[in-house]
PDB file of N, CA and C in Angstrom:
ATOM      1  N   MET A   1     -17.225 -31.960 -31.397  1.00  0.00           N
ATOM      2  CA  MET A   1     -17.011 -32.898 -30.319  1.00  0.00           C
ATOM      3  C   MET A   1     -17.756 -32.390 -29.090  1.00  0.00           C
ATOM      4  N   ALA A   2     -18.442 -33.276 -28.426  1.00  0.00           N
ATOM      5  CA  ALA A   2     -19.143 -32.917 -27.195  1.00  0.00           C
ATOM      6  C   ALA A   2     -18.136 -32.780 -26.052  1.00  0.00           C
ATOM      7  N   LEU A   3     -18.304 -31.728 -25.266  1.00  0.00           N
ATOM      8  CA  LEU A   3     -17.430 -31.478 -24.121  1.00  0.00           C
ATOM      9  C   LEU A   3     -18.251 -31.528 -22.848  1.00  0.00           C
ATOM     10  N   ASP A   4     -17.606 -31.886 -21.742  1.00  0.00           N
ATOM     11  CA  ASP A   4     -18.275 -31.788 -20.446  1.00  0.00           C
ATOM     12  C   ASP A   4     -18.579 -30.313 -20.195  1.00  0.00           C
ATOM     13  N   PRO A   5     -19.655 -30.008 -19.489  1.00  0.00           N
ATOM     14  CA  PRO A   5     -20.051 -28.601 -19.321  1.00  0.00           C
ATOM     15  C   PRO A   5     -19.150 -27.779 -18.403  1.00  0.00           C
ATOM     16  N   GLN A   6     -18.401 -28.421 -17.522  1.00  0.00           N
ATOM     17  CA  GLN A   6     -17.538 -27.692 -16.587  1.00  0.00           C
ATOM     18  C   GLN A   6     -16.082 -27.783 -17.032  1.00  0.00           C
ATOM     19  N   PRO A   7     -15.308 -26.695 -16.920  1.00  0.00           N
ATOM     20  CA  PRO A   7     -13.880 -26.765 -17.225  1.00  0.00           C
ATOM     21  C   PRO A   7     -13.190 -27.808 -16.340  1.00  0.00           C
ATOM     22  N   ASN A   8     -12.119 -28.388 -16.866  1.00  0.00           N
ATOM     23  CA  ASN A   8     -11.413 -29.453 -16.158  1.00  0.00           C
ATOM     24  C   ASN A   8      -9.924 -29.294 -16.453  1.00  0.00           C
ATOM     25  N   ALA A   9      -9.128 -29.062 -15.440  1.00  0.00           N
ATOM     26  CA  ALA A   9      -7.680 -28.864 -15.622  1.00  0.00           C
ATOM     27  C   ALA A   9      -7.002 -30.087 -16.227  1.00  0.00           C
ATOM     28  N   ALA A  10      -7.601 -31.267 -16.096  1.00  0.00           N
ATOM     29  CA  ALA A  10      -7.038 -32.484 -16.670  1.00  0.00           C
ATOM     30  C   ALA A  10      -7.463 -32.691 -18.122  1.00  0.00           C
ATOM     31  N   GLY A  11      -8.297 -31.793 -18.647  1.00  0.00           N
ATOM     32  CA  GLY A  11      -8.800 -31.935 -20.016  1.00  0.00           C
ATOM     33  C   GLY A  11      -7.723 -31.697 -21.051  1.00  0.00           C
ATOM     34  N   ASN A  12      -8.034 -32.068 -22.302  1.00  0.00           N
ATOM     35  CA  ASN A  12      -7.075 -31.879 -23.385  1.00  0.00           C
ATOM     36  C   ASN A  12      -7.675 -31.110 -24.560  1.00  0.00           C
ATOM     37  N   VAL A  13      -8.796 -30.414 -24.330  1.00  0.00           N
ATOM     38  CA  VAL A  13      -9.428 -29.598 -25.361  1.00  0.00           C
ATOM     39  C   VAL A  13      -9.551 -28.171 -24.838  1.00  0.00           C
ATOM     40  N   ALA A  14      -8.993 -27.220 -25.584  1.00  0.00           N
ATOM     41  CA  ALA A  14      -9.116 -25.808 -25.238  1.00  0.00           C
ATOM     42  C   ALA A  14     -10.358 -25.275 -25.933  1.00  0.00           C
ATOM     43  N   ALA A  15     -11.192 -24.534 -25.195  1.00  0.00           N
ATOM     44  CA  ALA A  15     -12.419 -24.015 -25.790  1.00  0.00           C
ATOM     45  C   ALA A  15     -12.703 -22.603 -25.295  1.00  0.00           C
ATOM     46  N   TYR A  16     -13.416 -21.853 -26.137  1.00  0.00           N
ATOM     47  CA  TYR A  16     -13.867 -20.503 -25.785  1.00  0.00           C
ATOM     48  C   TYR A  16     -15.110 -20.203 -26.604  1.00  0.00           C
ATOM     49  N   ARG A  17     -15.864 -19.187 -26.202  1.00  0.00           N
ATOM     50  CA  ARG A  17     -17.060 -18.748 -26.922  1.00  0.00           C
ATOM     51  C   ARG A  17     -16.690 -17.493 -27.707  1.00  0.00           C
ATOM     52  N   ASP A  18     -16.920 -17.509 -29.020  1.00  0.00           N
ATOM     53  CA  ASP A  18     -16.578 -16.347 -29.850  1.00  0.00           C
ATOM     54  C   ASP A  18     -17.649 -15.260 -29.738  1.00  0.00           C
ATOM     55  N   GLY A  19     -17.471 -14.168 -30.458  1.00  0.00           N
ATOM     56  CA  GLY A  19     -18.372 -13.027 -30.382  1.00  0.00           C
ATOM     57  C   GLY A  19     -19.800 -13.330 -30.795  1.00  0.00           C
ATOM     58  N   ALA A  20     -20.004 -14.343 -31.646  1.00  0.00           N
ATOM     59  CA  ALA A  20     -21.344 -14.730 -32.089  1.00  0.00           C
ATOM     60  C   ALA A  20     -21.986 -15.745 -31.151  1.00  0.00           C
ATOM     61  N   GLY A  21     -21.239 -16.186 -30.125  1.00  0.00           N
ATOM     62  CA  GLY A  21     -21.771 -17.155 -29.171  1.00  0.00           C
ATOM     63  C   GLY A  21     -21.459 -18.600 -29.502  1.00  0.00           C
ATOM     64  N   THR A  22     -20.718 -18.829 -30.572  1.00  0.00           N
ATOM     65  CA  THR A  22     -20.344 -20.187 -30.969  1.00  0.00           C
ATOM     66  C   THR A  22     -19.169 -20.669 -30.131  1.00  0.00           C
ATOM     67  N   ILE A  23     -19.238 -21.890 -29.659  1.00  0.00           N
ATOM     68  CA  ILE A  23     -18.125 -22.467 -28.900  1.00  0.00           C
ATOM     69  C   ILE A  23     -17.094 -22.995 -29.888  1.00  0.00           C
ATOM     70  N   ARG A  24     -15.885 -22.520 -29.759  1.00  0.00           N
ATOM     71  CA  ARG A  24     -14.763 -22.951 -30.606  1.00  0.00           C
ATOM     72  C   ARG A  24     -13.834 -23.803 -29.763  1.00  0.00           C
ATOM     73  N   SER A  25     -13.335 -24.878 -30.342  1.00  0.00           N
ATOM     74  CA  SER A  25     -12.430 -25.751 -29.583  1.00  0.00           C
ATOM     75  C   SER A  25     -11.260 -26.174 -30.457  1.00  0.00           C
ATOM     76  N   ARG A  26     -10.194 -26.563 -29.781  1.00  0.00           N
ATOM     77  CA  ARG A  26      -8.988 -27.040 -30.469  1.00  0.00           C
ATOM     78  C   ARG A  26      -8.143 -27.812 -29.479  1.00  0.00           C
ATOM     79  N   ARG A  27      -7.140 -28.466 -29.985  1.00  0.00           N
ATOM     80  CA  ARG A  27      -6.191 -29.182 -29.127  1.00  0.00           C
ATOM     81  C   ARG A  27      -4.960 -28.306 -28.955  1.00  0.00           C
ATOM     82  N   PRO A  28      -4.691 -27.813 -27.745  1.00  0.00           N
ATOM     83  CA  PRO A  28      -3.491 -26.983 -27.557  1.00  0.00           C
ATOM     84  C   PRO A  28      -2.226 -27.826 -27.681  1.00  0.00           C
ATOM     85  N   GLY A  29      -1.175 -27.197 -28.119  1.00  0.00           N
ATOM     86  CA  GLY A  29       0.079 -27.919 -28.289  1.00  0.00           C
ATOM     87  C   GLY A  29       1.273 -27.021 -28.042  1.00  0.00           C
ATOM     88  N   GLY A  30       2.437 -27.511 -28.374  1.00  0.00           N
ATOM     89  CA  GLY A  30       3.680 -26.788 -28.133  1.00  0.00           C
ATOM     90  C   GLY A  30       3.778 -25.474 -28.883  1.00  0.00           C
ATOM     91  N   GLU A  31       3.370 -25.454 -30.160  1.00  0.00           N
ATOM     92  CA  GLU A  31       3.464 -24.236 -30.951  1.00  0.00           C
ATOM     93  C   GLU A  31       2.335 -23.254 -30.657  1.00  0.00           C
ATOM     94  N   LEU A  32       1.199 -23.756 -30.187  1.00  0.00           N
ATOM     95  CA  LEU A  32       0.061 -22.897 -29.868  1.00  0.00           C
ATOM     96  C   LEU A  32      -0.513 -23.342 -28.526  1.00  0.00           C
ATOM     97  N   PRO A  33       0.079 -22.852 -27.423  1.00  0.00           N
ATOM     98  CA  PRO A  33      -0.367 -23.263 -26.086  1.00  0.00           C
ATOM     99  C   PRO A  33      -1.726 -22.657 -25.736  1.00  0.00           C
ATOM    100  N   LEU A  34      -2.230 -22.997 -24.587  1.00  0.00           N
ATOM    101  CA  LEU A  34      -3.494 -22.488 -24.086  1.00  0.00           C
ATOM    102  C   LEU A  34      -3.424 -20.967 -23.993  1.00  0.00           C
ATOM    103  N   MET A  35      -4.415 -20.289 -24.576  1.00  0.00           N
ATOM    104  CA  MET A  35      -4.471 -18.826 -24.549  1.00  0.00           C
ATOM    105  C   MET A  35      -5.213 -18.374 -23.296  1.00  0.00           C
ATOM    106  N   ALA A  36      -5.038 -17.117 -22.898  1.00  0.00           N
ATOM    107  CA  ALA A  36      -5.639 -16.591 -21.670  1.00  0.00           C
ATOM    108  C   ALA A  36      -7.168 -16.654 -21.688  1.00  0.00           C
ATOM    109  N   TYR A  37      -7.775 -16.548 -22.850  1.00  0.00           N
ATOM    110  CA  TYR A  37      -9.235 -16.544 -22.962  1.00  0.00           C
ATOM    111  C   TYR A  37      -9.834 -17.945 -23.126  1.00  0.00           C
ATOM    112  N   GLU A  38      -9.001 -18.974 -23.147  1.00  0.00           N
ATOM    113  CA  GLU A  38      -9.472 -20.351 -23.296  1.00  0.00           C
ATOM    114  C   GLU A  38      -9.464 -21.081 -21.958  1.00  0.00           C
ATOM    115  N   ARG A  39     -10.282 -22.097 -21.855  1.00  0.00           N
ATOM    116  CA  ARG A  39     -10.322 -22.978 -20.691  1.00  0.00           C
ATOM    117  C   ARG A  39     -10.194 -24.407 -21.188  1.00  0.00           C
ATOM    118  N   LEU A  40      -9.601 -25.260 -20.362  1.00  0.00           N
ATOM    119  CA  LEU A  40      -9.485 -26.676 -20.720  1.00  0.00           C
ATOM    120  C   LEU A  40     -10.763 -27.422 -20.350  1.00  0.00           C
ATOM    121  N   TYR A  41     -11.182 -28.289 -21.236  1.00  0.00           N
ATOM    122  CA  TYR A  41     -12.359 -29.127 -21.010  1.00  0.00           C
ATOM    123  C   TYR A  41     -12.007 -30.567 -21.331  1.00  0.00           C
ATOM    124  N   MET A  42     -12.769 -31.477 -20.741  1.00  0.00           N
ATOM    125  CA  MET A  42     -12.619 -32.901 -20.998  1.00  0.00           C
ATOM    126  C   MET A  42     -13.649 -33.300 -22.053  1.00  0.00           C
ATOM    127  N   PRO A  43     -13.251 -34.076 -23.070  1.00  0.00           N
ATOM    128  CA  PRO A  43     -14.242 -34.586 -24.017  1.00  0.00           C
ATOM    129  C   PRO A  43     -15.272 -35.436 -23.267  1.00  0.00           C
ATOM    130  N   HIS A  44     -16.530 -35.313 -23.639  1.00  0.00           N
ATOM    131  CA  HIS A  44     -17.590 -36.019 -22.937  1.00  0.00           C
ATOM    132  C   HIS A  44     -17.416 -37.533 -23.017  1.00  0.00           C
ATOM    133  N   VAL A  45     -16.932 -38.039 -24.137  1.00  0.00           N
ATOM    134  CA  VAL A  45     -16.780 -39.494 -24.283  1.00  0.00           C
ATOM    135  C   VAL A  45     -15.791 -40.069 -23.278  1.00  0.00           C
ATOM    136  N   ALA A  46     -14.872 -39.240 -22.777  1.00  0.00           N
ATOM    137  CA  ALA A  46     -13.889 -39.723 -21.808  1.00  0.00           C
ATOM    138  C   ALA A  46     -14.468 -39.888 -20.404  1.00  0.00           C
ATOM    139  N   THR A  47     -15.589 -39.222 -20.135  1.00  0.00           N
ATOM    140  CA  THR A  47     -16.168 -39.276 -18.790  1.00  0.00           C
ATOM    141  C   THR A  47     -17.583 -39.833 -18.770  1.00  0.00           C
ATOM    142  N   CYS A  48     -18.116 -40.137 -19.925  1.00  0.00           N
ATOM    143  CA  CYS A  48     -19.506 -40.603 -20.033  1.00  0.00           C
ATOM    144  C   CYS A  48     -19.647 -42.032 -19.527  1.00  0.00           C
ATOM    145  N   CYS A  49     -20.729 -42.254 -18.816  1.00  0.00           N
ATOM    146  CA  CYS A  49     -21.060 -43.601 -18.353  1.00  0.00           C
ATOM    147  C   CYS A  49     -22.291 -44.048 -19.136  1.00  0.00           C
ATOM    148  N   PRO A  50     -22.148 -44.932 -20.103  1.00  0.00           N
ATOM    149  CA  PRO A  50     -23.303 -45.358 -20.889  1.00  0.00           C
ATOM    150  C   PRO A  50     -24.443 -45.874 -20.005  1.00  0.00           C
ATOM    151  N   VAL A  51     -25.642 -45.639 -20.440  1.00  0.00           N
ATOM    152  CA  VAL A  51     -26.822 -46.014 -19.665  1.00  0.00           C
ATOM    153  C   VAL A  51     -26.846 -47.503 -19.379  1.00  0.00           C
ATOM    154  N   LEU A  52     -26.440 -48.304 -20.321  1.00  0.00           N
ATOM    155  CA  LEU A  52     -26.517 -49.750 -20.147  1.00  0.00           C
ATOM    156  C   LEU A  52     -25.320 -50.348 -19.404  1.00  0.00           C
ATOM    157  N   ALA A  53     -24.271 -49.605 -19.258  1.00  0.00           N
ATOM    158  CA  ALA A  53     -23.068 -50.125 -18.582  1.00  0.00           C
ATOM    159  C   ALA A  53     -23.178 -49.905 -17.076  1.00  0.00           C
ATOM    160  N   ALA A  54     -22.568 -50.768 -16.337  1.00  0.00           N
ATOM    161  CA  ALA A  54     -22.524 -50.617 -14.870  1.00  0.00           C
ATOM    162  C   ALA A  54     -21.310 -49.765 -14.528  1.00  0.00           C
ATOM    163  N   CYS A  55     -21.549 -48.576 -14.049  1.00  0.00           N
ATOM    164  CA  CYS A  55     -20.436 -47.653 -13.732  1.00  0.00           C
ATOM    165  C   CYS A  55     -20.129 -47.653 -12.259  1.00  0.00           C
TER     166      CYS A  55
END
């Protein structure tokens, strides 16, 4: 899933970069809350303004 490049406290995707440099993401929840090494991000589709649409 594409994420916005900047962390966003209103986001619903937790993401971090692993030791190999790969970005890992997941949906935090009650049993597995946001970890100290993760940041919240907004999915890009939630904030994207299509080129043809009037935003």
